[in-house]
Amino acid sequence: MIADWHLILEISFLSKELRRICEIRSEADEKLGVTASTALRTRLSDLFAVDRYDELPIGNARIRFIELAECVIIDIKDGLVMHLSSGHVSTPKNVDGTNDWTRINRLKLIFIGVKDDSL
């Protein structure tokens, strides 16, 4: 009998500053403001509760190419967004060369900031 299991979504950080903003409430409150900081913690909790980014019930998760990198963009609050890229050493790919997001369970948080209108 095969056990029923699922992938656990793992998140790493591009920088120590991003990690601190996500892990230390006072850092996020100072950098983003209390309302945005609270929304960020909620969105991160949402991410840890799903197996893949596209299972997020809110946040308008979508794929975009940013500086030639394929990223997941997730709305946080009032124009504030987070960008995540694949955190795999060898990212699973589709036949067309794009990321196979159905097999990606490691994400790297690379940006938190104000949404560019082109996104």
PDB file of N, CA and C in Angstrom:
ATOM      1  N   MET A   1       0.842  -1.184   0.000  1.00  0.00           N
ATOM      2  CA  MET A   1       0.000   0.000   0.000  1.00  0.00           C
ATOM      3  C   MET A   1       0.885   1.244   0.000  1.00  0.00           C
ATOM      4  N   ILE A   2       0.574   2.183  -0.861  1.00  0.00           N
ATOM      5  CA  ILE A   2       1.331   3.426  -0.947  1.00  0.00           C
ATOM      6  C   ILE A   2       0.692   4.451  -0.025  1.00  0.00           C
ATOM      7  N   ALA A   3       1.522   5.063   0.809  1.00  0.00           N
ATOM      8  CA  ALA A   3       1.013   6.064   1.747  1.00  0.00           C
ATOM      9  C   ALA A   3       0.597   7.316   0.997  1.00  0.00           C
ATOM     10  N   ASP A   4      -0.455   7.942   1.474  1.00  0.00           N
ATOM     11  CA  ASP A   4      -0.905   9.200   0.911  1.00  0.00           C
ATOM     12  C   ASP A   4      -0.021  10.301   1.489  1.00  0.00           C
ATOM     13  N   TRP A   5       0.701  11.039   0.645  1.00  0.00           N
ATOM     14  CA  TRP A   5       1.583  12.085   1.136  1.00  0.00           C
ATOM     15  C   TRP A   5       1.543  13.263   0.184  1.00  0.00           C
ATOM     16  N   HIS A   6       2.070  14.351   0.623  1.00  0.00           N
ATOM     17  CA  HIS A   6       2.150  15.524  -0.226  1.00  0.00           C
ATOM     18  C   HIS A   6       3.475  16.229   0.023  1.00  0.00           C
ATOM     19  N   LEU A   7       3.841  17.075  -0.904  1.00  0.00           N
ATOM     20  CA  LEU A   7       5.060  17.851  -0.766  1.00  0.00           C
ATOM     21  C   LEU A   7       4.870  18.925   0.288  1.00  0.00           C
ATOM     22  N   ILE A   8       5.920  19.219   1.000  1.00  0.00           N
ATOM     23  CA  ILE A   8       5.883  20.297   1.968  1.00  0.00           C
ATOM     24  C   ILE A   8       6.563  21.497   1.324  1.00  0.00           C
ATOM     25  N   LEU A   9       5.887  22.611   1.290  1.00  0.00           N
ATOM     26  CA  LEU A   9       6.434  23.814   0.690  1.00  0.00           C
ATOM     27  C   LEU A   9       7.494  24.394   1.619  1.00  0.00           C
ATOM     28  N   GLU A  10       8.679  24.608   1.091  1.00  0.00           N
ATOM     29  CA  GLU A  10       9.783  25.192   1.844  1.00  0.00           C
ATOM     30  C   GLU A  10      10.083  26.571   1.275  1.00  0.00           C
ATOM     31  N   ILE A  11      10.400  27.509   2.160  1.00  0.00           N
ATOM     32  CA  ILE A  11      10.724  28.853   1.709  1.00  0.00           C
ATOM     33  C   ILE A  11      12.090  29.247   2.245  1.00  0.00           C
ATOM     34  N   SER A  12      12.947  29.706   1.329  1.00  0.00           N
ATOM     35  CA  SER A  12      14.237  30.277   1.713  1.00  0.00           C
ATOM     36  C   SER A  12      14.206  31.754   1.340  1.00  0.00           C
ATOM     37  N   PHE A  13      15.270  32.457   1.659  1.00  0.00           N
ATOM     38  CA  PHE A  13      15.280  33.908   1.490  1.00  0.00           C
ATOM     39  C   PHE A  13      16.524  34.347   0.736  1.00  0.00           C
ATOM     40  N   LEU A  14      16.370  35.323  -0.146  1.00  0.00           N
ATOM     41  CA  LEU A  14      17.489  35.853  -0.908  1.00  0.00           C
ATOM     42  C   LEU A  14      18.496  36.559   0.001  1.00  0.00           C
ATOM     43  N   SER A  15      17.999  37.185   1.061  1.00  0.00           N
ATOM     44  CA  SER A  15      18.884  37.953   1.941  1.00  0.00           C
ATOM     45  C   SER A  15      18.488  37.780   3.406  1.00  0.00           C
ATOM     46  N   LYS A  16      19.434  38.111   4.267  1.00  0.00           N
ATOM     47  CA  LYS A  16      19.152  38.082   5.711  1.00  0.00           C
ATOM     48  C   LYS A  16      18.105  39.121   6.069  1.00  0.00           C
ATOM     49  N   GLU A  17      18.106  40.246   5.361  1.00  0.00           N
ATOM     50  CA  GLU A  17      17.110  41.285   5.633  1.00  0.00           C
ATOM     51  C   GLU A  17      15.691  40.774   5.363  1.00  0.00           C
ATOM     52  N   LEU A  18      15.479  40.093   4.230  1.00  0.00           N
ATOM     53  CA  LEU A  18      14.158  39.529   3.937  1.00  0.00           C
ATOM     54  C   LEU A  18      13.767  38.494   4.988  1.00  0.00           C
ATOM     55  N   ARG A  19      14.708  37.667   5.388  1.00  0.00           N
ATOM     56  CA  ARG A  19      14.428  36.666   6.429  1.00  0.00           C
ATOM     57  C   ARG A  19      13.999  37.355   7.725  1.00  0.00           C
ATOM     58  N   ARG A  20      14.724  38.398   8.120  1.00  0.00           N
ATOM     59  CA  ARG A  20      14.401  39.104   9.366  1.00  0.00           C
ATOM     60  C   ARG A  20      13.007  39.750   9.284  1.00  0.00           C
ATOM     61  N   ILE A  21      12.685  40.338   8.134  1.00  0.00           N
ATOM     62  CA  ILE A  21      11.361  40.953   7.970  1.00  0.00           C
ATOM     63  C   ILE A  21      10.267  39.901   8.127  1.00  0.00           C
ATOM     64  N   CYS A  22      10.518  38.709   7.618  1.00  0.00           N
ATOM     65  CA  CYS A  22       9.505  37.651   7.676  1.00  0.00           C
ATOM     66  C   CYS A  22       9.455  36.940   9.025  1.00  0.00           C
ATOM     67  N   GLU A  23      10.545  36.926   9.739  1.00  0.00           N
ATOM     68  CA  GLU A  23      10.599  36.154  10.987  1.00  0.00           C
ATOM     69  C   GLU A  23      10.492  36.993  12.258  1.00  0.00           C
ATOM     70  N   ILE A  24      10.780  38.288  12.163  1.00  0.00           N
ATOM     71  CA  ILE A  24      10.772  39.138  13.357  1.00  0.00           C
ATOM     72  C   ILE A  24       9.725  40.238  13.169  1.00  0.00           C
ATOM     73  N   ARG A  25       8.670  40.130  13.938  1.00  0.00           N
ATOM     74  CA  ARG A  25       7.531  41.038  13.787  1.00  0.00           C
ATOM     75  C   ARG A  25       7.939  42.504  13.872  1.00  0.00           C
ATOM     76  N   SER A  26       8.781  42.847  14.830  1.00  0.00           N
ATOM     77  CA  SER A  26       9.171  44.251  14.993  1.00  0.00           C
ATOM     78  C   SER A  26       9.926  44.775  13.768  1.00  0.00           C
ATOM     79  N   GLU A  27      10.727  43.920  13.138  1.00  0.00           N
ATOM     80  CA  GLU A  27      11.427  44.311  11.903  1.00  0.00           C
ATOM     81  C   GLU A  27      10.417  44.622  10.790  1.00  0.00           C
ATOM     82  N   ALA A  28       9.438  43.726  10.630  1.00  0.00           N
ATOM     83  CA  ALA A  28       8.417  43.931   9.600  1.00  0.00           C
ATOM     84  C   ALA A  28       7.579  45.171   9.905  1.00  0.00           C
ATOM     85  N   ASP A  29       7.207  45.345  11.167  1.00  0.00           N
ATOM     86  CA  ASP A  29       6.426  46.522  11.547  1.00  0.00           C
ATOM     87  C   ASP A  29       7.178  47.801  11.200  1.00  0.00           C
ATOM     88  N   GLU A  30       8.486  47.813  11.482  1.00  0.00           N
ATOM     89  CA  GLU A  30       9.301  48.999  11.226  1.00  0.00           C
ATOM     90  C   GLU A  30       9.474  49.261   9.728  1.00  0.00           C
ATOM     91  N   LYS A  31       9.738  48.204   8.956  1.00  0.00           N
ATOM     92  CA  LYS A  31      10.016  48.368   7.522  1.00  0.00           C
ATOM     93  C   LYS A  31       8.751  48.559   6.691  1.00  0.00           C
ATOM     94  N   LEU A  32       7.665  47.863   7.060  1.00  0.00           N
ATOM     95  CA  LEU A  32       6.462  47.841   6.223  1.00  0.00           C
ATOM     96  C   LEU A  32       5.274  48.577   6.818  1.00  0.00           C
ATOM     97  N   GLY A  33       5.299  48.815   8.123  1.00  0.00           N
ATOM     98  CA  GLY A  33       4.139  49.343   8.820  1.00  0.00           C
ATOM     99  C   GLY A  33       3.343  48.179   9.403  1.00  0.00           C
ATOM    100  N   VAL A  34       2.605  48.444  10.449  1.00  0.00           N
ATOM    101  CA  VAL A  34       1.906  47.383  11.181  1.00  0.00           C
ATOM    102  C   VAL A  34       0.874  46.666  10.316  1.00  0.00           C
ATOM    103  N   THR A  35       0.090  47.401   9.551  1.00  0.00           N
ATOM    104  CA  THR A  35      -0.948  46.775   8.729  1.00  0.00           C
ATOM    105  C   THR A  35      -0.349  45.853   7.674  1.00  0.00           C
ATOM    106  N   ALA A  36       0.657  46.324   6.959  1.00  0.00           N
ATOM    107  CA  ALA A  36       1.297  45.506   5.926  1.00  0.00           C
ATOM    108  C   ALA A  36       2.055  44.338   6.549  1.00  0.00           C
ATOM    109  N   SER A  37       2.664  44.572   7.704  1.00  0.00           N
ATOM    110  CA  SER A  37       3.383  43.515   8.409  1.00  0.00           C
ATOM    111  C   SER A  37       2.431  42.379   8.802  1.00  0.00           C
ATOM    112  N   THR A  38       1.281  42.735   9.294  1.00  0.00           N
ATOM    113  CA  THR A  38       0.271  41.732   9.654  1.00  0.00           C
ATOM    114  C   THR A  38      -0.179  40.957   8.423  1.00  0.00           C
ATOM    115  N   ALA A  39      -0.402  41.673   7.322  1.00  0.00           N
ATOM    116  CA  ALA A  39      -0.812  41.020   6.069  1.00  0.00           C
ATOM    117  C   ALA A  39       0.283  40.091   5.561  1.00  0.00           C
ATOM    118  N   LEU A  40       1.548  40.495   5.690  1.00  0.00           N
ATOM    119  CA  LEU A  40       2.665  39.635   5.274  1.00  0.00           C
ATOM    120  C   LEU A  40       2.675  38.340   6.071  1.00  0.00           C
ATOM    121  N   ARG A  41       2.528  38.431   7.375  1.00  0.00           N
ATOM    122  CA  ARG A  41       2.512  37.218   8.217  1.00  0.00           C
ATOM    123  C   ARG A  41       1.353  36.305   7.826  1.00  0.00           C
ATOM    124  N   THR A  42       0.217  36.888   7.514  1.00  0.00           N
ATOM    125  CA  THR A  42      -0.934  36.093   7.081  1.00  0.00           C
ATOM    126  C   THR A  42      -0.637  35.391   5.764  1.00  0.00           C
ATOM    127  N   ARG A  43      -0.050  36.119   4.822  1.00  0.00           N
ATOM    128  CA  ARG A  43       0.257  35.524   3.519  1.00  0.00           C
ATOM    129  C   ARG A  43       1.304  34.420   3.657  1.00  0.00           C
ATOM    130  N   LEU A  44       2.307  34.623   4.514  1.00  0.00           N
ATOM    131  CA  LEU A  44       3.311  33.575   4.741  1.00  0.00           C
ATOM    132  C   LEU A  44       2.665  32.342   5.369  1.00  0.00           C
ATOM    133  N   SER A  45       1.755  32.548   6.304  1.00  0.00           N
ATOM    134  CA  SER A  45       1.023  31.423   6.898  1.00  0.00           C
ATOM    135  C   SER A  45       0.223  30.685   5.838  1.00  0.00           C
ATOM    136  N   ASP A  46      -0.388  31.436   4.932  1.00  0.00           N
ATOM    137  CA  ASP A  46      -1.125  30.819   3.823  1.00  0.00           C
ATOM    138  C   ASP A  46      -0.197  29.945   2.989  1.00  0.00           C
ATOM    139  N   LEU A  47       1.007  30.451   2.702  1.00  0.00           N
ATOM    140  CA  LEU A  47       1.967  29.687   1.901  1.00  0.00           C
ATOM    141  C   LEU A  47       2.364  28.381   2.588  1.00  0.00           C
ATOM    142  N   PHE A  48       2.590  28.444   3.898  1.00  0.00           N
ATOM    143  CA  PHE A  48       2.994  27.238   4.623  1.00  0.00           C
ATOM    144  C   PHE A  48       1.855  26.224   4.751  1.00  0.00           C
ATOM    145  N   ALA A  49       0.640  26.668   4.481  1.00  0.00           N
ATOM    146  CA  ALA A  49      -0.517  25.778   4.612  1.00  0.00           C
ATOM    147  C   ALA A  49      -0.851  25.032   3.322  1.00  0.00           C
ATOM    148  N   VAL A  50      -0.155  25.355   2.222  1.00  0.00           N
ATOM    149  CA  VAL A  50      -0.462  24.721   0.936  1.00  0.00           C
ATOM    150  C   VAL A  50       0.751  23.936   0.439  1.00  0.00           C
ATOM    151  N   ASP A  51       0.501  23.096  -0.538  1.00  0.00           N
ATOM    152  CA  ASP A  51       1.577  22.308  -1.133  1.00  0.00           C
ATOM    153  C   ASP A  51       2.242  23.045  -2.288  1.00  0.00           C
ATOM    154  N   ARG A  52       1.468  23.889  -2.973  1.00  0.00           N
ATOM    155  CA  ARG A  52       1.974  24.624  -4.135  1.00  0.00           C
ATOM    156  C   ARG A  52       1.380  26.028  -4.114  1.00  0.00           C
ATOM    157  N   TYR A  53       2.104  26.957  -4.719  1.00  0.00           N
ATOM    158  CA  TYR A  53       1.656  28.351  -4.718  1.00  0.00           C
ATOM    159  C   TYR A  53       0.256  28.507  -5.309  1.00  0.00           C
ATOM    160  N   ASP A  54      -0.091  27.690  -6.319  1.00  0.00           N
ATOM    161  CA  ASP A  54      -1.371  27.877  -7.014  1.00  0.00           C
ATOM    162  C   ASP A  54      -2.562  27.367  -6.207  1.00  0.00           C
ATOM    163  N   GLU A  55      -2.312  26.852  -5.019  1.00  0.00           N
ATOM    164  CA  GLU A  55      -3.397  26.440  -4.128  1.00  0.00           C
ATOM    165  C   GLU A  55      -3.794  27.559  -3.162  1.00  0.00           C
ATOM    166  N   LEU A  56      -3.105  28.688  -3.239  1.00  0.00           N
ATOM    167  CA  LEU A  56      -3.438  29.807  -2.354  1.00  0.00           C
ATOM    168  C   LEU A  56      -4.845  30.310  -2.655  1.00  0.00           C
ATOM    169  N   PRO A  57      -5.691  30.406  -1.625  1.00  0.00           N
ATOM    170  CA  PRO A  57      -7.060  30.859  -1.863  1.00  0.00           C
ATOM    171  C   PRO A  57      -7.162  32.365  -2.111  1.00  0.00           C
ATOM    172  N   ILE A  58      -6.164  33.127  -1.670  1.00  0.00           N
ATOM    173  CA  ILE A  58      -6.173  34.578  -1.856  1.00  0.00           C
ATOM    174  C   ILE A  58      -4.760  35.040  -2.228  1.00  0.00           C
ATOM    175  N   GLY A  59      -4.625  36.293  -2.611  1.00  0.00           N
ATOM    176  CA  GLY A  59      -3.312  36.829  -2.934  1.00  0.00           C
ATOM    177  C   GLY A  59      -3.035  36.952  -4.414  1.00  0.00           C
ATOM    178  N   ASN A  60      -3.986  36.519  -5.250  1.00  0.00           N
ATOM    179  CA  ASN A  60      -3.844  36.667  -6.697  1.00  0.00           C
ATOM    180  C   ASN A  60      -2.494  36.139  -7.198  1.00  0.00           C
ATOM    181  N   ALA A  61      -2.111  34.947  -6.770  1.00  0.00           N
ATOM    182  CA  ALA A  61      -0.825  34.357  -7.161  1.00  0.00           C
ATOM    183  C   ALA A  61      -0.781  34.164  -8.670  1.00  0.00           C
ATOM    184  N   ARG A  62       0.345  34.609  -9.270  1.00  0.00           N
ATOM    185  CA  ARG A  62       0.488  34.508 -10.716  1.00  0.00           C
ATOM    186  C   ARG A  62       1.966  34.390 -11.084  1.00  0.00           C
ATOM    187  N   ILE A  63       2.218  33.868 -12.260  1.00  0.00           N
ATOM    188  CA  ILE A  63       3.576  33.703 -12.764  1.00  0.00           C
ATOM    189  C   ILE A  63       3.918  34.870 -13.679  1.00  0.00           C
ATOM    190  N   ARG A  64       5.096  35.442 -13.501  1.00  0.00           N
ATOM    191  CA  ARG A  64       5.592  36.514 -14.361  1.00  0.00           C
ATOM    192  C   ARG A  64       7.095  36.330 -14.535  1.00  0.00           C
ATOM    193  N   PHE A  65       7.605  36.850 -15.633  1.00  0.00           N
ATOM    194  CA  PHE A  65       9.051  36.881 -15.848  1.00  0.00           C
ATOM    195  C   PHE A  65       9.548  38.245 -15.421  1.00  0.00           C
ATOM    196  N   ILE A  66      10.498  38.264 -14.512  1.00  0.00           N
ATOM    197  CA  ILE A  66      11.083  39.498 -14.019  1.00  0.00           C
ATOM    198  C   ILE A  66      12.589  39.394 -14.216  1.00  0.00           C
ATOM    199  N   GLU A  67      13.119  40.281 -15.030  1.00  0.00           N
ATOM    200  CA  GLU A  67      14.548  40.251 -15.368  1.00  0.00           C
ATOM    201  C   GLU A  67      14.968  38.845 -15.803  1.00  0.00           C
ATOM    202  N   LEU A  68      14.172  38.253 -16.681  1.00  0.00           N
ATOM    203  CA  LEU A  68      14.388  36.927 -17.275  1.00  0.00           C
ATOM    204  C   LEU A  68      14.203  35.762 -16.307  1.00  0.00           C
ATOM    205  N   ALA A  69      13.853  36.040 -15.064  1.00  0.00           N
ATOM    206  CA  ALA A  69      13.613  34.967 -14.090  1.00  0.00           C
ATOM    207  C   ALA A  69      12.109  34.728 -13.958  1.00  0.00           C
ATOM    208  N   GLU A  70      11.718  33.473 -13.960  1.00  0.00           N
ATOM    209  CA  GLU A  70      10.309  33.115 -13.793  1.00  0.00           C
ATOM    210  C   GLU A  70       9.976  33.160 -12.306  1.00  0.00           C
ATOM    211  N   CYS A  71       9.011  33.997 -11.946  1.00  0.00           N
ATOM    212  CA  CYS A  71       8.679  34.230 -10.541  1.00  0.00           C
ATOM    213  C   CYS A  71       7.184  34.061 -10.286  1.00  0.00           C
ATOM    214  N   VAL A  72       6.872  33.771  -9.036  1.00  0.00           N
ATOM    215  CA  VAL A  72       5.500  33.817  -8.550  1.00  0.00           C
ATOM    216  C   VAL A  72       5.341  35.168  -7.872  1.00  0.00           C
ATOM    217  N   ILE A  73       4.317  35.900  -8.258  1.00  0.00           N
ATOM    218  CA  ILE A  73       4.005  37.184  -7.643  1.00  0.00           C
ATOM    219  C   ILE A  73       2.752  36.976  -6.800  1.00  0.00           C
ATOM    220  N   ILE A  74       2.801  37.420  -5.557  1.00  0.00           N
ATOM    221  CA  ILE A  74       1.654  37.281  -4.656  1.00  0.00           C
ATOM    222  C   ILE A  74       1.373  38.637  -4.029  1.00  0.00           C
ATOM    223  N   ASP A  75       0.132  39.082  -4.128  1.00  0.00           N
ATOM    224  CA  ASP A  75      -0.267  40.333  -3.499  1.00  0.00           C
ATOM    225  C   ASP A  75      -0.295  40.160  -1.988  1.00  0.00           C
ATOM    226  N   ILE A  76       0.222  41.170  -1.284  1.00  0.00           N
ATOM    227  CA  ILE A  76       0.169  41.157   0.175  1.00  0.00           C
ATOM    228  C   ILE A  76      -0.954  42.077   0.639  1.00  0.00           C
ATOM    229  N   LYS A  77      -0.827  43.377   0.312  1.00  0.00           N
ATOM    230  CA  LYS A  77      -1.865  44.336   0.692  1.00  0.00           C
ATOM    231  C   LYS A  77      -1.546  45.698   0.101  1.00  0.00           C
ATOM    232  N   ASP A  78      -2.559  46.360  -0.425  1.00  0.00           N
ATOM    233  CA  ASP A  78      -2.452  47.750  -0.876  1.00  0.00           C
ATOM    234  C   ASP A  78      -1.232  48.009  -1.763  1.00  0.00           C
ATOM    235  N   GLY A  79      -1.040  47.185  -2.785  1.00  0.00           N
ATOM    236  CA  GLY A  79       0.059  47.380  -3.725  1.00  0.00           C
ATOM    237  C   GLY A  79       1.362  46.718  -3.319  1.00  0.00           C
ATOM    238  N   LEU A  80       1.453  46.227  -2.103  1.00  0.00           N
ATOM    239  CA  LEU A  80       2.649  45.522  -1.634  1.00  0.00           C
ATOM    240  C   LEU A  80       2.580  44.085  -2.131  1.00  0.00           C
ATOM    241  N   VAL A  81       3.682  43.612  -2.710  1.00  0.00           N
ATOM    242  CA  VAL A  81       3.729  42.257  -3.261  1.00  0.00           C
ATOM    243  C   VAL A  81       4.982  41.532  -2.792  1.00  0.00           C
ATOM    244  N   MET A  82       4.966  40.216  -2.961  1.00  0.00           N
ATOM    245  CA  MET A  82       6.177  39.429  -2.770  1.00  0.00           C
ATOM    246  C   MET A  82       6.463  38.689  -4.060  1.00  0.00           C
ATOM    247  N   HIS A  83       7.746  38.550  -4.368  1.00  0.00           N
ATOM    248  CA  HIS A  83       8.197  37.787  -5.531  1.00  0.00           C
ATOM    249  C   HIS A  83       8.939  36.571  -5.008  1.00  0.00           C
ATOM    250  N   LEU A  84       8.604  35.415  -5.539  1.00  0.00           N
ATOM    251  CA  LEU A  84       9.290  34.178  -5.175  1.00  0.00           C
ATOM    252  C   LEU A  84       9.761  33.484  -6.438  1.00  0.00           C
ATOM    253  N   SER A  85      10.949  32.927  -6.373  1.00  0.00           N
ATOM    254  CA  SER A  85      11.473  32.143  -7.491  1.00  0.00           C
ATOM    255  C   SER A  85      11.608  30.700  -7.019  1.00  0.00           C
ATOM    256  N   SER A  86      11.947  29.826  -7.926  1.00  0.00           N
ATOM    257  CA  SER A  86      12.201  28.435  -7.540  1.00  0.00           C
ATOM    258  C   SER A  86      13.419  28.411  -6.626  1.00  0.00           C
ATOM    259  N   GLY A  87      13.335  27.621  -5.576  1.00  0.00           N
ATOM    260  CA  GLY A  87      14.457  27.463  -4.657  1.00  0.00           C
ATOM    261  C   GLY A  87      15.218  26.178  -4.888  1.00  0.00           C
ATOM    262  N   HIS A  88      14.875  25.450  -5.933  1.00  0.00           N
ATOM    263  CA  HIS A  88      15.548  24.189  -6.250  1.00  0.00           C
ATOM    264  C   HIS A  88      16.917  24.458  -6.865  1.00  0.00           C
ATOM    265  N   VAL A  89      17.874  23.601  -6.568  1.00  0.00           N
ATOM    266  CA  VAL A  89      19.180  23.674  -7.223  1.00  0.00           C
ATOM    267  C   VAL A  89      19.003  23.381  -8.701  1.00  0.00           C
ATOM    268  N   SER A  90      18.204  22.379  -9.001  1.00  0.00           N
ATOM    269  CA  SER A  90      17.870  22.027 -10.381  1.00  0.00           C
ATOM    270  C   SER A  90      16.349  22.104 -10.508  1.00  0.00           C
ATOM    271  N   THR A  91      15.853  23.213 -11.030  1.00  0.00           N
ATOM    272  CA  THR A  91      14.415  23.457 -11.089  1.00  0.00           C
ATOM    273  C   THR A  91      13.737  22.529 -12.085  1.00  0.00           C
ATOM    274  N   PRO A  92      12.664  21.844 -11.667  1.00  0.00           N
ATOM    275  CA  PRO A  92      11.901  21.019 -12.608  1.00  0.00           C
ATOM    276  C   PRO A  92      11.347  21.880 -13.739  1.00  0.00           C
ATOM    277  N   LYS A  93      11.481  21.407 -14.959  1.00  0.00           N
ATOM    278  CA  LYS A  93      11.069  22.179 -16.133  1.00  0.00           C
ATOM    279  C   LYS A  93      10.023  21.448 -16.956  1.00  0.00           C
ATOM    280  N   ASN A  94       9.212  22.227 -17.638  1.00  0.00           N
ATOM    281  CA  ASN A  94       8.280  21.705 -18.641  1.00  0.00           C
ATOM    282  C   ASN A  94       9.035  21.506 -19.948  1.00  0.00           C
ATOM    283  N   VAL A  95       8.396  20.862 -20.903  1.00  0.00           N
ATOM    284  CA  VAL A  95       8.997  20.625 -22.217  1.00  0.00           C
ATOM    285  C   VAL A  95       9.391  21.942 -22.887  1.00  0.00           C
ATOM    286  N   ASP A  96       8.604  23.001 -22.676  1.00  0.00           N
ATOM    287  CA  ASP A  96       8.892  24.290 -23.316  1.00  0.00           C
ATOM    288  C   ASP A  96       9.977  25.093 -22.593  1.00  0.00           C
ATOM    289  N   GLY A  97      10.547  24.539 -21.520  1.00  0.00           N
ATOM    290  CA  GLY A  97      11.630  25.202 -20.803  1.00  0.00           C
ATOM    291  C   GLY A  97      11.192  26.065 -19.641  1.00  0.00           C
ATOM    292  N   THR A  98       9.893  26.263 -19.475  1.00  0.00           N
ATOM    293  CA  THR A  98       9.404  27.030 -18.328  1.00  0.00           C
ATOM    294  C   THR A  98       9.408  26.143 -17.087  1.00  0.00           C
ATOM    295  N   ASN A  99       9.333  26.774 -15.940  1.00  0.00           N
ATOM    296  CA  ASN A  99       9.309  26.015 -14.693  1.00  0.00           C
ATOM    297  C   ASN A  99       8.049  25.157 -14.601  1.00  0.00           C
ATOM    298  N   ASP A 100       8.210  23.943 -14.107  1.00  0.00           N
ATOM    299  CA  ASP A 100       7.062  23.076 -13.836  1.00  0.00           C
ATOM    300  C   ASP A 100       6.638  23.326 -12.394  1.00  0.00           C
ATOM    301  N   TRP A 101       5.794  24.332 -12.223  1.00  0.00           N
ATOM    302  CA  TRP A 101       5.397  24.764 -10.882  1.00  0.00           C
ATOM    303  C   TRP A 101       4.620  23.691 -10.125  1.00  0.00           C
ATOM    304  N   THR A 102       4.084  22.690 -10.813  1.00  0.00           N
ATOM    305  CA  THR A 102       3.378  21.604 -10.119  1.00  0.00           C
ATOM    306  C   THR A 102       4.351  20.716  -9.353  1.00  0.00           C
ATOM    307  N   ARG A 103       5.641  20.783  -9.697  1.00  0.00           N
ATOM    308  CA  ARG A 103       6.649  19.962  -9.030  1.00  0.00           C
ATOM    309  C   ARG A 103       7.614  20.776  -8.169  1.00  0.00           C
ATOM    310  N   ILE A 104       7.369  22.058  -8.062  1.00  0.00           N
ATOM    311  CA  ILE A 104       8.247  22.922  -7.273  1.00  0.00           C
ATOM    312  C   ILE A 104       7.680  23.066  -5.868  1.00  0.00           C
ATOM    313  N   ASN A 105       8.463  22.610  -4.900  1.00  0.00           N
ATOM    314  CA  ASN A 105       8.031  22.728  -3.509  1.00  0.00           C
ATOM    315  C   ASN A 105       9.039  23.528  -2.678  1.00  0.00           C
ATOM    316  N   ARG A 106      10.026  24.105  -3.346  1.00  0.00           N
ATOM    317  CA  ARG A 106      10.992  24.980  -2.679  1.00  0.00           C
ATOM    318  C   ARG A 106      10.944  26.335  -3.363  1.00  0.00           C
ATOM    319  N   LEU A 107      10.586  27.335  -2.598  1.00  0.00           N
ATOM    320  CA  LEU A 107      10.513  28.690  -3.120  1.00  0.00           C
ATOM    321  C   LEU A 107      11.533  29.562  -2.413  1.00  0.00           C
ATOM    322  N   LYS A 108      12.040  30.563  -3.137  1.00  0.00           N
ATOM    323  CA  LYS A 108      12.959  31.528  -2.536  1.00  0.00           C
ATOM    324  C   LYS A 108      12.306  32.898  -2.621  1.00  0.00           C
ATOM    325  N   LEU A 109      12.126  33.522  -1.472  1.00  0.00           N
ATOM    326  CA  LEU A 109      11.570  34.868  -1.424  1.00  0.00           C
ATOM    327  C   LEU A 109      12.671  35.839  -1.841  1.00  0.00           C
ATOM    328  N   ILE A 110      12.436  36.553  -2.939  1.00  0.00           N
ATOM    329  CA  ILE A 110      13.480  37.415  -3.482  1.00  0.00           C
ATOM    330  C   ILE A 110      13.134  38.901  -3.414  1.00  0.00           C
ATOM    331  N   PHE A 111      11.882  39.233  -3.095  1.00  0.00           N
ATOM    332  CA  PHE A 111      11.492  40.643  -3.090  1.00  0.00           C
ATOM    333  C   PHE A 111      10.210  40.823  -2.302  1.00  0.00           C
ATOM    334  N   ILE A 112      10.170  41.892  -1.515  1.00  0.00           N
ATOM    335  CA  ILE A 112       8.940  42.397  -0.911  1.00  0.00           C
ATOM    336  C   ILE A 112       8.957  43.890  -1.172  1.00  0.00           C
ATOM    337  N   GLY A 113       7.929  44.394  -1.820  1.00  0.00           N
ATOM    338  CA  GLY A 113       7.899  45.819  -2.114  1.00  0.00           C
ATOM    339  C   GLY A 113       6.635  46.220  -2.834  1.00  0.00           C
ATOM    340  N   VAL A 114       6.638  47.441  -3.344  1.00  0.00           N
ATOM    341  CA  VAL A 114       5.475  48.003  -4.009  1.00  0.00           C
ATOM    342  C   VAL A 114       5.386  47.454  -5.422  1.00  0.00           C
ATOM    343  N   LYS A 115       4.175  47.091  -5.788  1.00  0.00           N
ATOM    344  CA  LYS A 115       3.917  46.506  -7.099  1.00  0.00           C
ATOM    345  C   LYS A 115       4.166  47.524  -8.203  1.00  0.00           C
ATOM    346  N   ASP A 116       4.862  47.050  -9.229  1.00  0.00           N
ATOM    347  CA  ASP A 116       5.055  47.829 -10.438  1.00  0.00           C
ATOM    348  C   ASP A 116       3.788  47.655 -11.278  1.00  0.00           C
ATOM    349  N   ASP A 117       3.302  48.707 -11.859  1.00  0.00           N
ATOM    350  CA  ASP A 117       2.070  48.646 -12.642  1.00  0.00           C
ATOM    351  C   ASP A 117       2.136  47.627 -13.775  1.00  0.00           C
ATOM    352  N   SER A 118       3.337  47.279 -14.243  1.00  0.00           N
ATOM    353  CA  SER A 118       3.447  46.316 -15.342  1.00  0.00           C
ATOM    354  C   SER A 118       3.203  44.894 -14.893  1.00  0.00           C
ATOM    355  N   LEU A 119       3.158  44.639 -13.582  1.00  0.00           N
ATOM    356  CA  LEU A 119       2.927  43.288 -13.093  1.00  0.00           C
ATOM    357  C   LEU A 119       1.454  43.004 -13.127  1.00  0.00           C
TER     358      LEU A 119
END
